[in-house]
Amino acid sequence: MKQPILIAVLLLTGLASCKPRKAIEFKKVIEQQERNAIKILISEGSLEEEKLNCLVKLDFKGAAIAVDKQEKAFDSILKDITTLPADGIKEGDALKTAASNYYSALKVLHLIDRKEIEQRVASYDKDPDIVRLAQDSLLQLTRESLDLNRKAQEEGAVLHEAMNRFDMANGL
């Protein structure tokens, strides 16, 4: 009598410990994109650091090239997310959408630097009127950047909430 109960308990324990593999793999891909974004933006030797170093040296062409590289890197992240199959994964589509929206917002936020670089070039012009217009434009771009930063933070909060719902729905 004890042996069938023991077998039943072991089977139930085994089944309860099984995690949905598709969901785990899905989440790993999403988490890898976060690591990729960190490599673009804040890790040592990142494209963001490259761009900032170029700006300090007044190498505007180099800074523009770094922004182009950032754009390609963000495009790669977005491609990886959008091509990720979410079929049969609870809350997979919601997480995929939240991740896509977040990385799109980050991309837009960091690509505004392209406009800033153009205005910085103009601010070194010999014509004082062009310099004044460039400085006014830089101020406006700073305001726009603050708005884009706020939007990226909001999308980040949505992504975090979607990740929590995903984890709960899939027992992770």
N, C-alpha and C. Protein backbone atom coordinates (compact mmCIF):
# COMPACT_ATOMS: atom_id res chain seq x y z
N MET A 1 0.81 -1.18 0.00
CA MET A 1 0.00 0.00 0.00
C MET A 1 0.86 1.26 0.00
N LYS A 2 2.00 1.22 0.71
CA LYS A 2 2.86 2.38 0.78
C LYS A 2 3.59 2.62 -0.54
N GLN A 3 3.90 1.56 -1.26
CA GLN A 3 4.64 1.70 -2.50
C GLN A 3 3.85 2.48 -3.56
N PRO A 4 2.54 2.22 -3.81
CA PRO A 4 1.80 3.03 -4.80
C PRO A 4 1.69 4.49 -4.40
N ILE A 5 1.57 4.76 -3.11
CA ILE A 5 1.49 6.15 -2.66
C ILE A 5 2.83 6.85 -2.90
N LEU A 6 3.91 6.17 -2.61
CA LEU A 6 5.24 6.72 -2.82
C LEU A 6 5.48 7.02 -4.30
N ILE A 7 5.06 6.08 -5.16
CA ILE A 7 5.21 6.28 -6.61
C ILE A 7 4.37 7.47 -7.06
N ALA A 8 3.14 7.57 -6.57
CA ALA A 8 2.27 8.69 -6.94
C ALA A 8 2.87 10.02 -6.49
N VAL A 9 3.41 10.06 -5.29
CA VAL A 9 4.03 11.28 -4.78
C VAL A 9 5.24 11.66 -5.63
N LEU A 10 6.05 10.69 -5.98
CA LEU A 10 7.21 10.96 -6.82
C LEU A 10 6.81 11.46 -8.20
N LEU A 11 5.78 10.88 -8.78
CA LEU A 11 5.30 11.32 -10.09
C LEU A 11 4.76 12.74 -10.02
N LEU A 12 3.97 13.03 -9.01
CA LEU A 12 3.41 14.38 -8.86
C LEU A 12 4.53 15.40 -8.62
N THR A 13 5.50 15.03 -7.82
CA THR A 13 6.63 15.92 -7.58
C THR A 13 7.40 16.17 -8.87
N GLY A 14 7.61 15.14 -9.63
CA GLY A 14 8.31 15.26 -10.91
C GLY A 14 7.56 16.13 -11.89
N LEU A 15 6.25 15.95 -11.96
CA LEU A 15 5.46 16.77 -12.87
C LEU A 15 5.40 18.22 -12.42
N ALA A 16 5.31 18.43 -11.11
CA ALA A 16 5.23 19.80 -10.59
C ALA A 16 6.54 20.55 -10.81
N SER A 17 7.66 19.84 -10.82
CA SER A 17 8.94 20.51 -10.98
C SER A 17 9.26 20.80 -12.45
N CYS A 18 8.52 20.26 -13.37
CA CYS A 18 8.76 20.51 -14.78
C CYS A 18 8.34 21.93 -15.13
N LYS A 19 9.23 22.65 -15.74
CA LYS A 19 8.96 24.00 -16.20
C LYS A 19 8.78 23.94 -17.71
N PRO A 20 7.93 24.79 -18.24
CA PRO A 20 7.74 24.79 -19.69
C PRO A 20 9.01 25.25 -20.41
N ARG A 21 9.60 24.34 -21.16
CA ARG A 21 10.89 24.61 -21.81
C ARG A 21 10.80 25.74 -22.83
N LYS A 22 9.68 25.79 -23.57
CA LYS A 22 9.54 26.86 -24.56
C LYS A 22 9.54 28.22 -23.87
N ALA A 23 8.86 28.30 -22.73
CA ALA A 23 8.80 29.56 -21.99
C ALA A 23 10.18 29.94 -21.45
N ILE A 24 10.92 28.96 -20.99
CA ILE A 24 12.25 29.23 -20.46
C ILE A 24 13.17 29.73 -21.57
N GLU A 25 13.13 29.08 -22.71
CA GLU A 25 13.96 29.51 -23.85
C GLU A 25 13.55 30.89 -24.34
N PHE A 26 12.24 31.14 -24.37
CA PHE A 26 11.71 32.44 -24.77
C PHE A 26 12.26 33.53 -23.86
N LYS A 27 12.19 33.29 -22.57
CA LYS A 27 12.66 34.27 -21.59
C LYS A 27 14.17 34.47 -21.72
N LYS A 28 14.91 33.43 -21.99
CA LYS A 28 16.37 33.56 -22.16
C LYS A 28 16.71 34.50 -23.31
N VAL A 29 15.95 34.38 -24.40
CA VAL A 29 16.21 35.26 -25.54
C VAL A 29 15.91 36.71 -25.18
N ILE A 30 14.81 36.94 -24.47
CA ILE A 30 14.47 38.31 -24.05
C ILE A 30 15.56 38.84 -23.11
N GLU A 31 16.00 38.03 -22.16
CA GLU A 31 17.04 38.46 -21.23
C GLU A 31 18.37 38.70 -21.95
N GLN A 32 18.66 37.93 -22.99
CA GLN A 32 19.89 38.14 -23.76
C GLN A 32 19.85 39.50 -24.45
N GLN A 33 18.68 39.93 -24.87
CA GLN A 33 18.57 41.23 -25.52
C GLN A 33 18.88 42.36 -24.53
N GLU A 34 18.52 42.15 -23.27
CA GLU A 34 18.86 43.13 -22.24
C GLU A 34 20.39 43.22 -22.09
N ARG A 35 21.05 42.09 -22.09
CA ARG A 35 22.51 42.09 -22.00
C ARG A 35 23.12 42.76 -23.24
N ASN A 36 22.52 42.53 -24.40
CA ASN A 36 23.01 43.18 -25.62
C ASN A 36 22.86 44.70 -25.53
N ALA A 37 21.74 45.16 -24.98
CA ALA A 37 21.54 46.61 -24.83
C ALA A 37 22.55 47.19 -23.85
N ILE A 38 22.86 46.46 -22.80
CA ILE A 38 23.87 46.92 -21.84
C ILE A 38 25.22 47.05 -22.54
N LYS A 39 25.54 46.10 -23.41
CA LYS A 39 26.80 46.18 -24.15
C LYS A 39 26.84 47.41 -25.05
N ILE A 40 25.69 47.80 -25.58
CA ILE A 40 25.62 48.98 -26.46
C ILE A 40 25.75 50.26 -25.66
N LEU A 41 25.13 50.29 -24.48
CA LEU A 41 24.96 51.56 -23.78
C LEU A 41 25.88 51.81 -22.59
N ILE A 42 26.15 50.82 -21.77
CA ILE A 42 26.83 51.15 -20.53
C ILE A 42 28.07 50.32 -20.20
N SER A 43 28.33 49.30 -20.94
CA SER A 43 29.52 48.52 -20.60
C SER A 43 30.78 49.26 -21.06
N GLU A 44 31.89 48.86 -20.47
CA GLU A 44 33.16 49.48 -20.85
C GLU A 44 33.45 49.16 -22.31
N GLY A 45 33.81 50.18 -23.06
CA GLY A 45 34.08 50.00 -24.48
C GLY A 45 32.83 49.97 -25.34
N SER A 46 31.71 50.40 -24.77
CA SER A 46 30.43 50.37 -25.48
C SER A 46 30.41 51.39 -26.62
N LEU A 47 29.42 51.25 -27.47
CA LEU A 47 29.24 52.21 -28.55
C LEU A 47 28.91 53.60 -28.00
N GLU A 48 28.19 53.62 -26.89
CA GLU A 48 27.86 54.91 -26.25
C GLU A 48 29.15 55.59 -25.77
N GLU A 49 30.04 54.81 -25.17
CA GLU A 49 31.32 55.36 -24.72
C GLU A 49 32.13 55.85 -25.91
N GLU A 50 32.11 55.09 -26.99
CA GLU A 50 32.83 55.49 -28.21
C GLU A 50 32.30 56.83 -28.72
N LYS A 51 30.98 56.96 -28.74
CA LYS A 51 30.36 58.20 -29.21
C LYS A 51 30.75 59.37 -28.31
N LEU A 52 30.66 59.17 -27.00
CA LEU A 52 30.99 60.24 -26.07
C LEU A 52 32.46 60.64 -26.17
N ASN A 53 33.33 59.68 -26.32
CA ASN A 53 34.76 60.00 -26.49
C ASN A 53 34.99 60.82 -27.75
N CYS A 54 34.30 60.48 -28.80
CA CYS A 54 34.42 61.26 -30.04
C CYS A 54 33.91 62.68 -29.85
N LEU A 55 32.81 62.83 -29.12
CA LEU A 55 32.28 64.17 -28.88
C LEU A 55 33.25 65.01 -28.04
N VAL A 56 33.88 64.39 -27.06
CA VAL A 56 34.86 65.12 -26.24
C VAL A 56 36.01 65.60 -27.11
N LYS A 57 36.41 64.79 -28.06
CA LYS A 57 37.53 65.15 -28.96
C LYS A 57 37.07 66.03 -30.12
N LEU A 58 35.78 66.35 -30.14
CA LEU A 58 35.17 67.13 -31.22
C LEU A 58 35.29 66.41 -32.57
N ASP A 59 35.31 65.10 -32.51
CA ASP A 59 35.33 64.26 -33.70
C ASP A 59 33.87 63.92 -34.03
N PHE A 60 33.20 64.85 -34.69
CA PHE A 60 31.77 64.69 -34.94
C PHE A 60 31.49 63.58 -35.95
N LYS A 61 32.40 63.40 -36.88
CA LYS A 61 32.23 62.32 -37.86
C LYS A 61 32.31 60.96 -37.15
N GLY A 62 33.26 60.80 -36.26
CA GLY A 62 33.39 59.56 -35.49
C GLY A 62 32.18 59.32 -34.60
N ALA A 63 31.66 60.39 -34.01
CA ALA A 63 30.47 60.27 -33.17
C ALA A 63 29.26 59.83 -34.01
N ALA A 64 29.15 60.38 -35.21
CA ALA A 64 28.04 59.99 -36.09
C ALA A 64 28.16 58.52 -36.50
N ILE A 65 29.37 58.07 -36.71
CA ILE A 65 29.59 56.66 -37.05
C ILE A 65 29.19 55.77 -35.88
N ALA A 66 29.52 56.19 -34.66
CA ALA A 66 29.13 55.43 -33.47
C ALA A 66 27.61 55.36 -33.34
N VAL A 67 26.92 56.45 -33.64
CA VAL A 67 25.46 56.46 -33.60
C VAL A 67 24.91 55.49 -34.65
N ASP A 68 25.51 55.47 -35.83
CA ASP A 68 25.07 54.53 -36.87
C ASP A 68 25.24 53.08 -36.39
N LYS A 69 26.35 52.81 -35.71
CA LYS A 69 26.58 51.47 -35.18
C LYS A 69 25.54 51.13 -34.11
N GLN A 70 25.19 52.11 -33.28
CA GLN A 70 24.15 51.90 -32.27
C GLN A 70 22.83 51.55 -32.93
N GLU A 71 22.51 52.27 -33.99
CA GLU A 71 21.25 52.01 -34.69
C GLU A 71 21.21 50.57 -35.20
N LYS A 72 22.30 50.13 -35.80
CA LYS A 72 22.35 48.76 -36.31
C LYS A 72 22.24 47.74 -35.17
N ALA A 73 22.87 48.04 -34.05
CA ALA A 73 22.81 47.12 -32.91
C ALA A 73 21.39 47.05 -32.35
N PHE A 74 20.71 48.18 -32.25
CA PHE A 74 19.32 48.17 -31.78
C PHE A 74 18.41 47.47 -32.78
N ASP A 75 18.69 47.67 -34.07
CA ASP A 75 17.90 46.97 -35.09
C ASP A 75 18.05 45.45 -34.94
N SER A 76 19.25 45.01 -34.62
CA SER A 76 19.49 43.58 -34.41
C SER A 76 18.70 43.07 -33.21
N ILE A 77 18.69 43.83 -32.12
CA ILE A 77 17.91 43.46 -30.94
C ILE A 77 16.43 43.35 -31.30
N LEU A 78 15.92 44.35 -31.99
CA LEU A 78 14.50 44.37 -32.35
C LEU A 78 14.16 43.22 -33.30
N LYS A 79 15.06 42.90 -34.22
CA LYS A 79 14.83 41.79 -35.13
C LYS A 79 14.75 40.48 -34.36
N ASP A 80 15.67 40.29 -33.42
CA ASP A 80 15.67 39.07 -32.61
C ASP A 80 14.37 38.92 -31.82
N ILE A 81 13.86 40.03 -31.33
CA ILE A 81 12.62 39.98 -30.54
C ILE A 81 11.42 39.73 -31.44
N THR A 82 11.33 40.44 -32.55
CA THR A 82 10.14 40.32 -33.40
C THR A 82 10.06 38.97 -34.11
N THR A 83 11.20 38.33 -34.33
CA THR A 83 11.17 37.03 -34.99
C THR A 83 11.03 35.88 -33.99
N LEU A 84 11.00 36.20 -32.73
CA LEU A 84 10.88 35.19 -31.68
C LEU A 84 9.47 34.60 -31.68
N PRO A 85 9.33 33.28 -31.86
CA PRO A 85 7.99 32.69 -31.88
C PRO A 85 7.42 32.62 -30.46
N ALA A 86 6.18 33.09 -30.32
CA ALA A 86 5.51 33.10 -29.01
C ALA A 86 4.32 32.16 -28.98
N ASP A 87 4.19 31.35 -30.02
CA ASP A 87 3.04 30.43 -30.11
C ASP A 87 3.06 29.44 -28.96
N GLY A 88 1.93 29.33 -28.30
CA GLY A 88 1.78 28.34 -27.23
C GLY A 88 2.46 28.71 -25.93
N ILE A 89 2.94 29.93 -25.81
CA ILE A 89 3.60 30.37 -24.59
C ILE A 89 2.69 31.39 -23.92
N LYS A 90 2.29 31.09 -22.69
CA LYS A 90 1.41 31.99 -21.96
C LYS A 90 2.09 33.34 -21.75
N GLU A 91 1.37 34.40 -22.07
CA GLU A 91 1.86 35.78 -21.94
C GLU A 91 3.07 36.06 -22.82
N GLY A 92 3.35 35.18 -23.78
CA GLY A 92 4.50 35.37 -24.66
C GLY A 92 4.35 36.56 -25.58
N ASP A 93 3.17 36.70 -26.17
CA ASP A 93 2.94 37.83 -27.07
C ASP A 93 3.03 39.16 -26.33
N ALA A 94 2.48 39.19 -25.12
CA ALA A 94 2.52 40.43 -24.32
C ALA A 94 3.96 40.80 -23.97
N LEU A 95 4.75 39.82 -23.59
CA LEU A 95 6.16 40.08 -23.25
C LEU A 95 6.94 40.51 -24.49
N LYS A 96 6.66 39.87 -25.59
CA LYS A 96 7.34 40.20 -26.84
C LYS A 96 7.03 41.65 -27.24
N THR A 97 5.76 42.03 -27.14
CA THR A 97 5.35 43.40 -27.48
C THR A 97 5.99 44.40 -26.54
N ALA A 98 5.98 44.11 -25.24
CA ALA A 98 6.57 45.03 -24.26
C ALA A 98 8.07 45.19 -24.50
N ALA A 99 8.75 44.11 -24.79
CA ALA A 99 10.20 44.17 -25.04
C ALA A 99 10.47 44.97 -26.32
N SER A 100 9.69 44.72 -27.35
CA SER A 100 9.86 45.44 -28.61
C SER A 100 9.64 46.94 -28.41
N ASN A 101 8.59 47.30 -27.67
CA ASN A 101 8.30 48.71 -27.42
C ASN A 101 9.42 49.37 -26.61
N TYR A 102 9.95 48.65 -25.63
CA TYR A 102 11.01 49.21 -24.79
C TYR A 102 12.28 49.46 -25.60
N TYR A 103 12.70 48.47 -26.37
CA TYR A 103 13.94 48.65 -27.13
C TYR A 103 13.77 49.63 -28.28
N SER A 104 12.56 49.75 -28.80
CA SER A 104 12.29 50.79 -29.80
C SER A 104 12.42 52.18 -29.16
N ALA A 105 11.90 52.33 -27.94
CA ALA A 105 12.00 53.61 -27.24
C ALA A 105 13.45 53.94 -26.93
N LEU A 106 14.23 52.95 -26.52
CA LEU A 106 15.65 53.18 -26.27
C LEU A 106 16.38 53.59 -27.55
N LYS A 107 16.02 52.94 -28.64
CA LYS A 107 16.65 53.26 -29.92
C LYS A 107 16.37 54.71 -30.30
N VAL A 108 15.11 55.12 -30.22
CA VAL A 108 14.75 56.50 -30.56
C VAL A 108 15.47 57.48 -29.65
N LEU A 109 15.52 57.16 -28.36
CA LEU A 109 16.20 58.03 -27.39
C LEU A 109 17.66 58.23 -27.75
N HIS A 110 18.33 57.19 -28.13
CA HIS A 110 19.76 57.31 -28.40
C HIS A 110 20.07 57.77 -29.82
N LEU A 111 19.11 57.66 -30.72
CA LEU A 111 19.36 58.14 -32.08
C LEU A 111 19.11 59.64 -32.22
N ILE A 112 18.52 60.24 -31.20
CA ILE A 112 18.36 61.70 -31.23
C ILE A 112 19.74 62.37 -31.19
N ASP A 113 20.72 61.60 -30.75
CA ASP A 113 22.09 62.13 -30.72
C ASP A 113 22.58 62.51 -32.11
N ARG A 114 22.03 61.89 -33.12
CA ARG A 114 22.41 62.22 -34.50
C ARG A 114 22.09 63.70 -34.77
N LYS A 115 20.89 64.13 -34.34
CA LYS A 115 20.50 65.54 -34.52
C LYS A 115 21.38 66.45 -33.66
N GLU A 116 21.70 65.99 -32.47
CA GLU A 116 22.55 66.78 -31.58
C GLU A 116 23.92 66.99 -32.19
N ILE A 117 24.45 65.96 -32.79
CA ILE A 117 25.78 66.07 -33.43
C ILE A 117 25.74 67.11 -34.54
N GLU A 118 24.68 67.09 -35.33
CA GLU A 118 24.55 68.07 -36.42
C GLU A 118 24.54 69.50 -35.86
N GLN A 119 23.83 69.69 -34.75
CA GLN A 119 23.76 71.02 -34.16
C GLN A 119 25.07 71.42 -33.50
N ARG A 120 25.79 70.46 -32.96
CA ARG A 120 27.10 70.77 -32.38
C ARG A 120 28.07 71.21 -33.49
N VAL A 121 28.00 70.57 -34.64
CA VAL A 121 28.82 70.99 -35.78
C VAL A 121 28.48 72.43 -36.14
N ALA A 122 27.19 72.74 -36.20
CA ALA A 122 26.76 74.09 -36.56
C ALA A 122 27.16 75.11 -35.49
N SER A 123 27.27 74.67 -34.25
CA SER A 123 27.62 75.62 -33.18
C SER A 123 29.08 76.09 -33.28
N TYR A 124 29.87 75.46 -34.13
CA TYR A 124 31.25 75.88 -34.35
C TYR A 124 31.40 76.71 -35.62
N ASP A 125 30.29 77.11 -36.20
CA ASP A 125 30.30 77.92 -37.41
C ASP A 125 30.83 79.32 -37.08
N LYS A 126 31.30 80.02 -38.08
CA LYS A 126 31.82 81.37 -37.88
C LYS A 126 30.70 82.40 -37.82
N ASP A 127 29.54 82.08 -38.39
CA ASP A 127 28.41 82.99 -38.40
C ASP A 127 27.69 82.93 -37.05
N PRO A 128 27.64 84.06 -36.31
CA PRO A 128 27.03 84.05 -34.99
C PRO A 128 25.53 83.72 -35.02
N ASP A 129 24.85 84.04 -36.10
CA ASP A 129 23.43 83.71 -36.20
C ASP A 129 23.24 82.19 -36.28
N ILE A 130 24.07 81.53 -37.04
CA ILE A 130 24.00 80.07 -37.15
C ILE A 130 24.33 79.43 -35.81
N VAL A 131 25.32 79.98 -35.11
CA VAL A 131 25.70 79.46 -33.79
C VAL A 131 24.53 79.60 -32.82
N ARG A 132 23.89 80.77 -32.82
CA ARG A 132 22.75 81.00 -31.92
C ARG A 132 21.61 80.05 -32.23
N LEU A 133 21.31 79.85 -33.50
CA LEU A 133 20.25 78.91 -33.88
C LEU A 133 20.59 77.48 -33.47
N ALA A 134 21.86 77.12 -33.62
CA ALA A 134 22.30 75.77 -33.24
C ALA A 134 22.16 75.59 -31.73
N GLN A 135 22.53 76.61 -30.97
CA GLN A 135 22.41 76.50 -29.51
C GLN A 135 20.94 76.41 -29.08
N ASP A 136 20.08 77.17 -29.74
CA ASP A 136 18.65 77.08 -29.45
C ASP A 136 18.12 75.68 -29.78
N SER A 137 18.59 75.16 -30.89
CA SER A 137 18.18 73.82 -31.30
C SER A 137 18.68 72.77 -30.32
N LEU A 138 19.89 72.95 -29.81
CA LEU A 138 20.43 72.02 -28.81
C LEU A 138 19.58 72.03 -27.54
N LEU A 139 19.13 73.19 -27.15
CA LEU A 139 18.26 73.28 -25.98
C LEU A 139 16.95 72.54 -26.23
N GLN A 140 16.39 72.72 -27.40
CA GLN A 140 15.15 72.03 -27.76
C GLN A 140 15.37 70.52 -27.81
N LEU A 141 16.50 70.09 -28.34
CA LEU A 141 16.82 68.66 -28.39
C LEU A 141 16.98 68.08 -26.98
N THR A 142 17.51 68.87 -26.07
CA THR A 142 17.63 68.41 -24.68
C THR A 142 16.26 68.19 -24.08
N ARG A 143 15.34 69.09 -24.33
CA ARG A 143 13.96 68.91 -23.85
C ARG A 143 13.33 67.66 -24.48
N GLU A 144 13.52 67.50 -25.77
CA GLU A 144 12.98 66.33 -26.47
C GLU A 144 13.59 65.04 -25.92
N SER A 145 14.88 65.10 -25.64
CA SER A 145 15.57 63.94 -25.07
C SER A 145 15.01 63.57 -23.70
N LEU A 146 14.68 64.56 -22.90
CA LEU A 146 14.07 64.29 -21.59
C LEU A 146 12.72 63.60 -21.75
N ASP A 147 11.93 64.05 -22.72
CA ASP A 147 10.64 63.40 -22.98
C ASP A 147 10.84 61.95 -23.44
N LEU A 148 11.81 61.75 -24.32
CA LEU A 148 12.08 60.40 -24.81
C LEU A 148 12.61 59.50 -23.70
N ASN A 149 13.39 60.08 -22.79
CA ASN A 149 13.89 59.31 -21.66
C ASN A 149 12.74 58.88 -20.75
N ARG A 150 11.80 59.80 -20.51
CA ARG A 150 10.62 59.47 -19.71
C ARG A 150 9.82 58.35 -20.37
N LYS A 151 9.65 58.42 -21.68
CA LYS A 151 8.92 57.38 -22.40
C LYS A 151 9.64 56.03 -22.30
N ALA A 152 10.96 56.05 -22.43
CA ALA A 152 11.73 54.80 -22.32
C ALA A 152 11.60 54.21 -20.91
N GLN A 153 11.59 55.07 -19.90
CA GLN A 153 11.40 54.58 -18.53
C GLN A 153 10.02 53.96 -18.36
N GLU A 154 9.01 54.58 -18.93
CA GLU A 154 7.65 54.03 -18.85
C GLU A 154 7.58 52.68 -19.55
N GLU A 155 8.20 52.58 -20.71
CA GLU A 155 8.20 51.31 -21.45
C GLU A 155 9.00 50.25 -20.68
N GLY A 156 10.04 50.68 -19.98
CA GLY A 156 10.81 49.75 -19.15
C GLY A 156 9.97 49.20 -18.01
N ALA A 157 9.13 50.05 -17.42
CA ALA A 157 8.23 49.60 -16.35
C ALA A 157 7.20 48.63 -16.89
N VAL A 158 6.70 48.89 -18.09
CA VAL A 158 5.74 47.98 -18.73
C VAL A 158 6.41 46.64 -19.01
N LEU A 159 7.65 46.67 -19.48
CA LEU A 159 8.39 45.43 -19.74
C LEU A 159 8.59 44.64 -18.45
N HIS A 160 8.95 45.33 -17.38
CA HIS A 160 9.15 44.66 -16.10
C HIS A 160 7.86 43.99 -15.63
N GLU A 161 6.75 44.68 -15.76
CA GLU A 161 5.45 44.12 -15.37
C GLU A 161 5.08 42.93 -16.27
N ALA A 162 5.35 43.05 -17.56
CA ALA A 162 5.06 41.95 -18.48
C ALA A 162 5.92 40.73 -18.15
N MET A 163 7.16 40.96 -17.75
CA MET A 163 8.05 39.86 -17.37
C MET A 163 7.52 39.16 -16.11
N ASN A 164 7.02 39.95 -15.16
CA ASN A 164 6.45 39.35 -13.95
C ASN A 164 5.20 38.52 -14.28
N ARG A 165 4.33 39.05 -15.14
CA ARG A 165 3.13 38.29 -15.53
C ARG A 165 3.51 37.02 -16.27
N PHE A 166 4.54 37.12 -17.13
CA PHE A 166 5.03 35.97 -17.88
C PHE A 166 5.53 34.90 -16.93
N ASP A 167 6.34 35.31 -15.96
CA ASP A 167 6.87 34.36 -14.99
C ASP A 167 5.76 33.67 -14.21
N MET A 168 4.78 34.43 -13.78
CA MET A 168 3.67 33.85 -13.02
C MET A 168 2.84 32.90 -13.87
N ALA A 169 2.56 33.30 -15.10
CA ALA A 169 1.73 32.47 -15.98
C ALA A 169 2.42 31.17 -16.34
N ASN A 170 3.74 31.19 -16.39
CA ASN A 170 4.48 30.01 -16.81
C ASN A 170 5.15 29.27 -15.65
N GLY A 171 4.89 29.72 -14.44
CA GLY A 171 5.44 29.05 -13.27
C GLY A 171 6.95 29.15 -13.16
N LEU A 172 7.49 30.28 -13.59
CA LEU A 172 8.96 30.46 -13.55
C LEU A 172 9.36 31.25 -12.33
